[in-house]
Amino acid sequence: MAEFTLFKKYVLLRSVLRKEIQAIKILIVDDSMVARKIVIKHLQNHADYQNAEIIEAVSGEQGLEKFDRSIELVLSDWNMPGISGHDYN
């Protein structure tokens, strides 16, 4: 019986975490439109990220303009003209 209760708690916790993951904001920064679309498609096909809010930026500078504290994940190209993903750290 204890194992079943533990399993139920695990399922409930996983469900809560999944809802939190789905609600995150993701900023994708890449000067290649094709690369951005590929990343977006992969995220949308992954069950945990189907409802994530995805924000796109076409340059490092635009990525900085669009960034705010509510964004929880930034996916950036490392090699772009001007400010690159390497400069974000």
N, C-alpha and C. Protein backbone atom coordinates (compact mmCIF):
# COMPACT_ATOMS: atom_id res chain seq x y z
N MET A 1 0.82 -1.20 0.00
CA MET A 1 0.00 0.00 0.00
C MET A 1 0.86 1.26 0.00
N ALA A 2 1.96 1.24 0.74
CA ALA A 2 2.84 2.41 0.80
C ALA A 2 3.44 2.70 -0.57
N GLU A 3 3.78 1.66 -1.33
CA GLU A 3 4.34 1.87 -2.66
C GLU A 3 3.33 2.54 -3.58
N PHE A 4 2.07 2.14 -3.49
CA PHE A 4 1.03 2.74 -4.32
C PHE A 4 0.86 4.22 -3.97
N THR A 5 0.85 4.56 -2.67
CA THR A 5 0.73 5.95 -2.24
C THR A 5 1.90 6.77 -2.74
N LEU A 6 3.11 6.20 -2.65
CA LEU A 6 4.29 6.89 -3.15
C LEU A 6 4.18 7.12 -4.66
N PHE A 7 3.69 6.12 -5.39
CA PHE A 7 3.52 6.25 -6.83
C PHE A 7 2.51 7.35 -7.15
N LYS A 8 1.41 7.42 -6.42
CA LYS A 8 0.40 8.46 -6.66
C LYS A 8 1.00 9.84 -6.43
N LYS A 9 1.83 9.98 -5.38
CA LYS A 9 2.46 11.27 -5.12
C LYS A 9 3.42 11.63 -6.24
N TYR A 10 4.15 10.64 -6.76
CA TYR A 10 5.07 10.88 -7.87
C TYR A 10 4.30 11.35 -9.10
N VAL A 11 3.18 10.69 -9.41
CA VAL A 11 2.38 11.07 -10.58
C VAL A 11 1.83 12.47 -10.41
N LEU A 12 1.35 12.81 -9.21
CA LEU A 12 0.82 14.14 -8.94
C LEU A 12 1.93 15.19 -9.09
N LEU A 13 3.11 14.93 -8.51
CA LEU A 13 4.22 15.87 -8.62
C LEU A 13 4.64 16.05 -10.06
N ARG A 14 4.72 14.97 -10.81
CA ARG A 14 5.11 15.06 -12.22
C ARG A 14 4.09 15.89 -13.01
N SER A 15 2.81 15.71 -12.69
CA SER A 15 1.76 16.47 -13.36
C SER A 15 1.90 17.96 -13.06
N VAL A 16 2.17 18.32 -11.83
CA VAL A 16 2.35 19.72 -11.45
C VAL A 16 3.57 20.30 -12.15
N LEU A 17 4.69 19.56 -12.16
CA LEU A 17 5.89 20.03 -12.81
C LEU A 17 5.68 20.20 -14.31
N ARG A 18 4.97 19.27 -14.93
CA ARG A 18 4.72 19.36 -16.37
C ARG A 18 3.93 20.62 -16.69
N LYS A 19 2.92 20.96 -15.87
CA LYS A 19 2.16 22.18 -16.10
C LYS A 19 3.05 23.40 -15.97
N GLU A 20 3.98 23.40 -15.01
CA GLU A 20 4.90 24.52 -14.85
C GLU A 20 5.82 24.63 -16.05
N ILE A 21 6.32 23.48 -16.56
CA ILE A 21 7.20 23.50 -17.72
C ILE A 21 6.45 24.05 -18.93
N GLN A 22 5.22 23.64 -19.13
CA GLN A 22 4.45 24.08 -20.29
C GLN A 22 4.21 25.58 -20.27
N ALA A 23 4.22 26.18 -19.10
CA ALA A 23 3.89 27.59 -18.98
C ALA A 23 5.12 28.50 -19.11
N ILE A 24 6.29 27.94 -19.37
CA ILE A 24 7.48 28.77 -19.39
C ILE A 24 7.57 29.60 -20.68
N LYS A 25 8.39 30.65 -20.59
CA LYS A 25 8.68 31.49 -21.75
C LYS A 25 10.09 31.15 -22.22
N ILE A 26 10.23 30.92 -23.53
CA ILE A 26 11.51 30.56 -24.12
C ILE A 26 11.87 31.59 -25.19
N LEU A 27 13.09 32.10 -25.11
CA LEU A 27 13.59 33.04 -26.10
C LEU A 27 14.57 32.30 -27.01
N ILE A 28 14.29 32.31 -28.32
CA ILE A 28 15.16 31.68 -29.30
C ILE A 28 15.83 32.79 -30.11
N VAL A 29 17.16 32.82 -30.06
CA VAL A 29 17.93 33.86 -30.73
C VAL A 29 18.80 33.20 -31.79
N ASP A 30 18.54 33.50 -33.05
CA ASP A 30 19.34 32.96 -34.15
C ASP A 30 19.13 33.82 -35.37
N ASP A 31 20.21 34.11 -36.08
CA ASP A 31 20.08 34.92 -37.29
C ASP A 31 19.55 34.10 -38.46
N SER A 32 19.47 32.80 -38.31
CA SER A 32 18.93 31.93 -39.36
C SER A 32 17.47 31.60 -39.07
N MET A 33 16.58 32.04 -39.96
CA MET A 33 15.17 31.75 -39.79
C MET A 33 14.92 30.25 -39.79
N VAL A 34 15.63 29.53 -40.65
CA VAL A 34 15.46 28.07 -40.74
C VAL A 34 15.82 27.42 -39.41
N ALA A 35 16.93 27.82 -38.81
CA ALA A 35 17.34 27.25 -37.53
C ALA A 35 16.30 27.54 -36.44
N ARG A 36 15.78 28.77 -36.42
CA ARG A 36 14.74 29.11 -35.42
C ARG A 36 13.52 28.24 -35.60
N LYS A 37 13.09 28.05 -36.84
CA LYS A 37 11.89 27.25 -37.11
C LYS A 37 12.09 25.78 -36.72
N ILE A 38 13.31 25.26 -36.95
CA ILE A 38 13.60 23.87 -36.56
C ILE A 38 13.51 23.71 -35.04
N VAL A 39 14.10 24.65 -34.31
CA VAL A 39 14.06 24.60 -32.85
C VAL A 39 12.62 24.69 -32.36
N ILE A 40 11.86 25.61 -32.92
CA ILE A 40 10.46 25.78 -32.52
C ILE A 40 9.67 24.50 -32.79
N LYS A 41 9.86 23.91 -33.96
CA LYS A 41 9.15 22.68 -34.31
C LYS A 41 9.47 21.56 -33.32
N HIS A 42 10.75 21.43 -32.97
CA HIS A 42 11.14 20.40 -32.00
C HIS A 42 10.50 20.65 -30.63
N LEU A 43 10.49 21.90 -30.20
CA LEU A 43 9.86 22.22 -28.92
C LEU A 43 8.36 21.93 -28.95
N GLN A 44 7.70 22.30 -30.02
CA GLN A 44 6.26 22.09 -30.13
C GLN A 44 5.91 20.60 -30.21
N ASN A 45 6.82 19.79 -30.73
CA ASN A 45 6.58 18.35 -30.82
C ASN A 45 6.86 17.63 -29.51
N HIS A 46 7.56 18.28 -28.59
CA HIS A 46 7.87 17.68 -27.30
C HIS A 46 6.72 17.97 -26.35
N ALA A 47 6.18 16.94 -25.75
CA ALA A 47 4.98 17.08 -24.92
C ALA A 47 5.14 18.10 -23.80
N ASP A 48 6.33 18.21 -23.23
CA ASP A 48 6.52 19.12 -22.10
C ASP A 48 6.51 20.60 -22.50
N TYR A 49 6.72 20.89 -23.77
CA TYR A 49 6.86 22.28 -24.20
C TYR A 49 5.79 22.74 -25.19
N GLN A 50 4.75 21.95 -25.38
CA GLN A 50 3.72 22.29 -26.38
C GLN A 50 3.03 23.62 -26.08
N ASN A 51 2.89 23.96 -24.81
CA ASN A 51 2.19 25.20 -24.46
C ASN A 51 3.13 26.31 -24.02
N ALA A 52 4.42 26.12 -24.22
CA ALA A 52 5.38 27.16 -23.85
C ALA A 52 5.19 28.39 -24.75
N GLU A 53 5.45 29.55 -24.18
CA GLU A 53 5.42 30.78 -24.97
C GLU A 53 6.81 30.95 -25.59
N ILE A 54 6.86 30.98 -26.90
CA ILE A 54 8.14 31.05 -27.60
C ILE A 54 8.28 32.43 -28.24
N ILE A 55 9.40 33.07 -27.94
CA ILE A 55 9.70 34.40 -28.45
C ILE A 55 10.93 34.27 -29.34
N GLU A 56 10.88 34.88 -30.52
CA GLU A 56 11.99 34.81 -31.46
C GLU A 56 12.72 36.14 -31.55
N ALA A 57 14.04 36.03 -31.75
CA ALA A 57 14.87 37.21 -32.02
C ALA A 57 15.82 36.85 -33.15
N VAL A 58 16.03 37.80 -34.07
CA VAL A 58 16.85 37.53 -35.27
C VAL A 58 18.31 37.94 -35.10
N SER A 59 18.64 38.52 -33.95
CA SER A 59 20.03 38.93 -33.70
C SER A 59 20.26 38.96 -32.19
N GLY A 60 21.54 39.01 -31.82
CA GLY A 60 21.87 39.12 -30.41
C GLY A 60 21.33 40.39 -29.79
N GLU A 61 21.41 41.48 -30.55
CA GLU A 61 20.89 42.76 -30.06
C GLU A 61 19.38 42.69 -29.83
N GLN A 62 18.65 42.11 -30.78
CA GLN A 62 17.21 41.99 -30.62
C GLN A 62 16.87 41.05 -29.46
N GLY A 63 17.68 40.02 -29.28
CA GLY A 63 17.48 39.12 -28.15
C GLY A 63 17.59 39.85 -26.82
N LEU A 64 18.56 40.75 -26.71
CA LEU A 64 18.69 41.55 -25.48
C LEU A 64 17.50 42.47 -25.29
N GLU A 65 16.98 43.04 -26.38
CA GLU A 65 15.81 43.92 -26.30
C GLU A 65 14.58 43.14 -25.84
N LYS A 66 14.43 41.90 -26.31
CA LYS A 66 13.23 41.12 -25.99
C LYS A 66 13.34 40.39 -24.64
N PHE A 67 14.55 40.29 -24.10
CA PHE A 67 14.73 39.56 -22.85
C PHE A 67 14.13 40.31 -21.69
N ASP A 68 13.43 39.58 -20.82
CA ASP A 68 12.98 40.11 -19.54
C ASP A 68 13.05 38.99 -18.51
N ARG A 69 12.83 39.31 -17.27
CA ARG A 69 13.01 38.34 -16.18
C ARG A 69 12.01 37.19 -16.21
N SER A 70 10.94 37.31 -16.99
CA SER A 70 9.97 36.22 -17.05
C SER A 70 10.41 35.10 -18.00
N ILE A 71 11.44 35.34 -18.80
CA ILE A 71 11.96 34.32 -19.70
C ILE A 71 12.83 33.36 -18.90
N GLU A 72 12.51 32.07 -18.98
CA GLU A 72 13.21 31.08 -18.17
C GLU A 72 14.26 30.30 -18.94
N LEU A 73 14.21 30.35 -20.28
CA LEU A 73 15.16 29.59 -21.07
C LEU A 73 15.53 30.40 -22.31
N VAL A 74 16.82 30.54 -22.58
CA VAL A 74 17.30 31.21 -23.78
C VAL A 74 18.09 30.19 -24.59
N LEU A 75 17.68 30.00 -25.84
CA LEU A 75 18.41 29.14 -26.78
C LEU A 75 18.98 30.06 -27.84
N SER A 76 20.31 30.10 -27.93
CA SER A 76 20.93 31.08 -28.81
C SER A 76 22.03 30.46 -29.66
N ASP A 77 22.12 30.97 -30.88
CA ASP A 77 23.22 30.65 -31.77
C ASP A 77 24.50 31.25 -31.16
N TRP A 78 25.59 30.52 -31.25
CA TRP A 78 26.85 31.02 -30.71
C TRP A 78 27.59 31.91 -31.70
N ASN A 79 27.24 31.84 -32.97
CA ASN A 79 28.01 32.55 -33.99
C ASN A 79 27.09 33.43 -34.82
N MET A 80 26.95 34.69 -34.38
CA MET A 80 26.12 35.66 -35.11
C MET A 80 26.91 36.96 -35.23
N PRO A 81 26.60 37.75 -36.24
CA PRO A 81 27.25 39.07 -36.34
C PRO A 81 26.85 39.94 -35.15
N GLY A 82 27.72 40.81 -34.73
CA GLY A 82 27.41 41.68 -33.59
C GLY A 82 27.50 40.90 -32.30
N ILE A 83 26.46 40.96 -31.50
CA ILE A 83 26.41 40.23 -30.24
C ILE A 83 26.04 38.78 -30.55
N SER A 84 26.87 37.85 -30.11
CA SER A 84 26.58 36.43 -30.34
C SER A 84 26.09 35.79 -29.04
N GLY A 85 25.66 34.56 -29.14
CA GLY A 85 25.21 33.84 -27.96
C GLY A 85 26.31 33.70 -26.93
N HIS A 86 27.54 33.65 -27.38
CA HIS A 86 28.68 33.55 -26.46
C HIS A 86 28.78 34.79 -25.58
N ASP A 87 28.35 35.93 -26.08
CA ASP A 87 28.41 37.18 -25.31
C ASP A 87 27.33 37.27 -24.24
N TYR A 88 26.33 36.41 -24.28
CA TYR A 88 25.23 36.49 -23.32
C TYR A 88 25.62 36.10 -21.91
N ASN A 89 26.63 35.27 -21.75
CA ASN A 89 26.95 34.81 -20.39
C ASN A 89 27.50 35.95 -19.64
